[in-house]
Amino acid sequence: MTSDSRLSTIIAIGGRLSTMAADSSSRNGLLQGTLDMLILRTLLGCPAHGHQIGKHIQRTTHDFLQMQHGSLYPALHRLEKRGWVTANWETAPDRNREFKYYRLTAAGRRQLVVEESRWKQMTEAVARVMWPAPEEA
């Protein structure tokens, strides 16, 4: 969950996670607030255009997370509006075509630290419930 409770979502569909909502009932399986964090983390390495960002996340998770344009691009616009990323149209080095490249800003780097901390707290809390220490069980 992000600081303003927005619903950046990744949804479990057929054993894989997608950013596209199939229907409202599948929202029960949501991992909310992770999309922005994943995008910010992807941009920590280098600038990238939207397709590269989606493919990086998909490839890094061994195709477990499937990024859909209908979720990715609104998230990128939201991050840009908040000043966490900047975007500029540039010609790709290996193509004769322009892409909108996104770069992480200093504010985006600070937000990534916040998001990572929250994610770690949440996963540790869930793990304590799922796999309690022997004295807590």
Foldseek 3Di string as FASTA:
>chain_A
DAPVPDFQWWFDDPQATESDDPDPVRCVRIPGDCLLLLQLVLQVVHKDFQVVSQVVVCVVVVNRYHYDPVRRVVSLVVCVVVVQKPWDWDQDPVDRDTGIIIHGDPVVVVSSVVVVVVVVVVVVVVCCVVPNDPVVD
